[in-house]
Amino acid sequence: MKYLILKDKKKIKSIINYLISIESLPKIQRRLNIFPVDDTFQIEILNNRVSYRRGNRKKAIFIENKNLKYFFKTLDNSKEYYINDISFLRFNNCSLLFDTYHGTIISVESEQLCQNLERKFKLTHYDNINDHKFIVNPKSEHLFDEVGVLNSKIRNYGIKTGLDIRSTSTSLKVRLSNMSNDYSYLEYYYENIMNHHLLSTVSHQKKNVQL
């Protein structure tokens, strides 16, 4: 995996258009990253799946217990954690990640695509993302507060994505009752992909965008 750091946000739309032209339309996704300040493991929540990684990021253990609150209680709450809710566009061979501690990142699987992006948009790649310094200083947090309430970032992520936080039920009824109807976070990405506003009332040619 190669990582390209995008320092000039004015290039984002051009890069998206370029990637669409060779990779087709992306999926718009959200991922919650959780990792302790003084350890090497990382927890990711994506598509209602919770995974645990230590060392090699390619090897993941997926957590079967769907009761998120209970799962986080098994972790050491005395530790301090970095918790980051990021949005990203997933293409076939790369992803464009927003709001990371490193800024906007393009993670690329293809060597040729990486070289093309470097040359066309004058970007610099990193073989290891940790070779690039944070541009946003992360704030360390606990998983629970003093009275046992789950961290607000984790709770808000669950509400936004329909993830069941408290119960062990995976029924559609429970998931829908827990899910927010606020899709405003999609507007920026939709507009950059489709070149139209998400809430526009003007008719446009249909495109198969995946959300």
Protein backbone atom coordinates (compact mmCIF):
# COMPACT_ATOMS: atom_id res chain seq x y z
CA MET A 1 0.00 0.00 0.00
CA LYS A 2 1.21 3.50 -0.90
CA TYR A 3 0.00 6.73 0.71
CA LEU A 4 -0.26 10.09 -1.03
CA ILE A 5 -0.77 13.20 1.10
CA LEU A 6 -3.01 15.84 -0.45
CA LYS A 7 -1.92 19.26 0.84
CA ASP A 8 -3.86 21.40 -1.64
CA LYS A 9 -7.62 20.91 -1.18
CA LYS A 10 -8.25 22.68 -4.49
CA LYS A 11 -7.05 19.50 -6.22
CA ILE A 12 -9.65 17.25 -4.58
CA LYS A 13 -12.34 17.65 -7.24
CA SER A 14 -9.86 17.12 -10.10
CA ILE A 15 -8.49 14.00 -8.39
CA ILE A 16 -11.98 12.60 -7.83
CA ASN A 17 -12.89 13.20 -11.48
CA TYR A 18 -9.66 11.53 -12.59
CA LEU A 19 -10.23 8.49 -10.36
CA ILE A 20 -13.83 8.17 -11.55
CA SER A 21 -12.64 8.20 -15.16
CA ILE A 22 -10.36 5.19 -14.58
CA GLU A 23 -11.86 3.48 -11.52
CA SER A 24 -15.63 4.13 -11.90
CA LEU A 25 -17.82 5.64 -9.18
CA PRO A 26 -16.77 5.17 -5.54
CA LYS A 27 -18.66 4.13 -2.44
CA ILE A 28 -19.07 6.80 0.26
CA GLN A 29 -18.24 5.26 3.63
CA ARG A 30 -17.48 6.15 7.24
CA ARG A 31 -15.03 4.44 9.55
CA LEU A 32 -14.34 4.87 13.24
CA ASN A 33 -10.68 4.33 14.23
CA ILE A 34 -9.84 3.68 17.88
CA PHE A 35 -6.34 3.00 19.16
CA PRO A 36 -4.61 3.49 22.53
CA VAL A 37 -1.96 6.17 22.81
CA ASP A 38 0.72 3.83 24.20
CA ASP A 39 -0.02 0.57 22.35
CA THR A 40 0.06 -0.90 18.85
CA PHE A 41 -3.41 -2.40 18.43
CA GLN A 42 -6.24 -0.69 16.57
CA ILE A 43 -10.00 -1.15 16.47
CA GLU A 44 -11.95 -0.23 13.34
CA ILE A 45 -15.71 -0.04 12.87
CA LEU A 46 -16.79 -0.14 9.23
CA ASN A 47 -20.06 -1.29 7.65
CA ASN A 48 -21.34 -2.41 11.09
CA ARG A 49 -18.34 -4.70 11.47
CA VAL A 50 -15.88 -4.31 14.34
CA SER A 51 -12.33 -5.47 13.69
CA TYR A 52 -9.26 -5.69 15.90
CA ARG A 53 -5.74 -5.42 14.50
CA ARG A 54 -2.33 -5.63 16.15
CA GLY A 55 0.91 -5.03 14.25
CA ASN A 56 0.09 -6.21 10.73
CA ARG A 57 -2.87 -4.12 9.55
CA LYS A 58 -3.79 -6.71 6.92
CA LYS A 59 -4.61 -9.32 9.57
CA ALA A 60 -7.86 -8.51 11.32
CA ILE A 61 -9.97 -10.32 13.91
CA PHE A 62 -13.66 -9.54 13.51
CA ILE A 63 -15.63 -9.22 16.74
CA GLU A 64 -18.78 -11.37 16.87
CA ASN A 65 -20.34 -9.65 19.90
CA LYS A 66 -22.67 -6.97 18.50
CA ASN A 67 -23.18 -5.30 21.89
CA LEU A 68 -20.67 -2.48 21.44
CA LYS A 69 -21.01 -1.12 24.95
CA TYR A 70 -20.21 -4.52 26.44
CA PHE A 71 -17.30 -5.00 24.03
CA PHE A 72 -15.66 -1.70 24.99
CA LYS A 73 -16.10 -2.55 28.68
CA THR A 74 -13.70 -5.46 28.11
CA LEU A 75 -10.97 -2.97 27.16
CA ASP A 76 -8.81 -1.06 29.62
CA ASN A 77 -10.61 2.22 30.33
CA SER A 78 -7.63 3.50 32.32
CA LYS A 79 -5.76 3.84 29.03
CA GLU A 80 -6.15 6.92 26.86
CA TYR A 81 -7.30 6.42 23.29
CA TYR A 82 -7.35 8.32 20.02
CA ILE A 83 -10.83 8.13 18.48
CA ASN A 84 -11.29 9.42 14.96
CA ASP A 85 -14.44 9.34 12.79
CA ILE A 86 -13.37 9.62 9.14
CA SER A 87 -15.24 9.62 5.83
CA PHE A 88 -13.75 8.23 2.66
CA LEU A 89 -14.43 7.42 -0.97
CA ARG A 90 -13.60 3.81 -1.81
CA PHE A 91 -12.65 3.16 -5.42
CA ASN A 92 -11.61 -0.21 -6.89
CA ASN A 93 -7.87 0.17 -6.26
CA CYS A 94 -7.62 3.13 -3.90
CA SER A 95 -9.40 5.17 -1.26
CA LEU A 96 -9.57 8.92 -0.69
CA LEU A 97 -9.70 9.50 3.07
CA PHE A 98 -10.81 12.77 4.68
CA ASP A 99 -10.35 14.21 8.18
CA THR A 100 -7.49 11.94 9.22
CA TYR A 101 -4.73 13.13 11.57
CA HIS A 102 -2.50 13.30 8.49
CA GLY A 103 -5.03 15.40 6.56
CA THR A 104 -6.49 14.12 3.29
CA ILE A 105 -4.88 10.86 2.17
CA ILE A 106 -5.06 8.74 -0.97
CA SER A 107 -4.22 5.13 -0.12
CA VAL A 108 -3.30 3.27 -3.31
CA GLU A 109 -2.86 -0.45 -3.96
CA SER A 110 -1.56 -0.17 -7.53
CA GLU A 111 2.04 0.92 -8.10
CA GLN A 112 1.15 2.26 -11.54
CA LEU A 113 -1.81 4.27 -10.25
CA CYS A 114 0.38 5.72 -7.50
CA GLN A 115 2.94 6.86 -10.07
CA ASN A 116 0.22 8.35 -12.27
CA LEU A 117 -1.25 10.33 -9.37
CA GLU A 118 2.19 11.53 -8.26
CA ARG A 119 3.07 12.74 -11.72
CA LYS A 120 -0.30 14.23 -12.71
CA PHE A 121 -1.05 16.06 -9.45
CA LYS A 122 2.50 16.61 -8.14
CA LEU A 123 2.05 14.56 -4.99
CA THR A 124 4.55 12.73 -2.80
CA HIS A 125 3.99 9.15 -1.70
CA TYR A 126 4.93 7.37 1.53
CA ASP A 127 5.39 3.61 1.87
CA ASN A 128 4.51 3.94 5.56
CA ILE A 129 1.96 6.56 6.59
CA ASN A 130 3.75 6.94 9.94
CA ASP A 131 6.67 8.49 8.08
CA HIS A 132 4.42 11.53 7.64
CA LYS A 133 3.88 13.70 10.71
CA PHE A 134 0.38 14.43 12.01
CA ILE A 135 -0.96 17.79 10.85
CA VAL A 136 -3.74 17.64 13.46
CA ASN A 137 -2.75 16.96 17.06
CA PRO A 138 -5.08 14.19 18.26
CA LYS A 139 -6.82 14.57 21.59
CA SER A 140 -6.59 11.51 23.84
CA GLU A 141 -9.85 10.33 25.43
CA HIS A 142 -11.28 7.56 27.58
CA LEU A 143 -13.82 5.03 26.30
CA PHE A 144 -16.20 5.79 29.20
CA ASP A 145 -16.65 8.79 31.46
CA GLU A 146 -16.70 8.72 35.28
CA VAL A 147 -20.30 7.48 35.47
CA GLY A 148 -19.90 4.78 32.81
CA VAL A 149 -21.35 6.59 29.79
CA LEU A 150 -19.83 5.46 26.49
CA ASN A 151 -17.64 8.02 24.68
CA SER A 152 -19.77 10.46 22.66
CA LYS A 153 -17.79 9.89 19.44
CA ILE A 154 -18.53 6.16 19.56
CA ARG A 155 -22.21 6.77 20.41
CA ASN A 156 -22.63 9.36 17.65
CA TYR A 157 -20.99 7.08 15.10
CA GLY A 158 -23.42 4.31 16.04
CA ILE A 159 -26.41 6.64 15.69
CA LYS A 160 -25.24 7.99 12.32
CA THR A 161 -24.61 4.54 10.86
CA GLY A 162 -27.41 2.54 12.52
CA LEU A 163 -25.04 0.44 14.62
CA ASP A 164 -26.67 -1.16 17.65
CA ILE A 165 -24.70 0.08 20.68
CA ARG A 166 -26.54 -1.23 23.73
CA SER A 167 -28.50 -4.40 22.95
CA THR A 168 -27.43 -7.73 21.46
CA SER A 169 -30.25 -7.62 18.90
CA THR A 170 -29.35 -7.31 15.23
CA SER A 171 -32.95 -7.01 14.01
CA LEU A 172 -33.74 -4.48 11.31
CA LYS A 173 -36.34 -2.84 13.57
CA VAL A 174 -33.76 -2.14 16.32
CA ARG A 175 -31.17 -0.88 13.84
CA LEU A 176 -33.65 1.48 12.18
CA SER A 177 -34.86 2.83 15.54
CA ASN A 178 -31.25 3.63 16.49
CA MET A 179 -30.34 5.26 13.18
CA SER A 180 -30.32 9.00 12.50
CA ASN A 181 -32.04 10.44 9.42
CA ASP A 182 -29.38 13.14 9.09
CA TYR A 183 -27.37 12.55 5.90
CA SER A 184 -25.85 16.01 5.74
CA TYR A 185 -22.33 14.58 6.01
CA LEU A 186 -22.86 13.05 2.54
CA GLU A 187 -23.53 16.38 0.83
CA TYR A 188 -19.88 17.41 0.34
CA TYR A 189 -18.84 14.07 -1.11
CA TYR A 190 -21.93 13.68 -3.29
CA GLU A 191 -21.44 17.13 -4.81
CA ASN A 192 -17.79 16.41 -5.61
CA ILE A 193 -18.69 13.10 -7.25
CA MET A 194 -21.83 14.10 -9.14
CA ASN A 195 -21.16 17.83 -9.66
CA HIS A 196 -24.66 18.54 -8.35
CA HIS A 197 -26.04 19.41 -4.93
CA LEU A 198 -27.55 16.47 -3.02
CA LEU A 199 -30.78 18.35 -2.26
CA SER A 200 -31.16 19.94 -5.70
CA THR A 201 -34.70 19.89 -7.14
CA VAL A 202 -33.43 20.11 -10.71
CA SER A 203 -33.59 16.90 -12.76
CA HIS A 204 -30.27 15.44 -13.90
CA GLN A 205 -29.15 12.44 -15.87
CA LYS A 206 -29.18 9.34 -13.72
CA LYS A 207 -25.85 7.93 -12.51
CA ASN A 208 -25.20 4.80 -10.45
CA VAL A 209 -23.56 6.23 -7.35
CA GLN A 210 -23.10 3.85 -4.43
CA LEU A 211 -23.77 5.10 -0.90
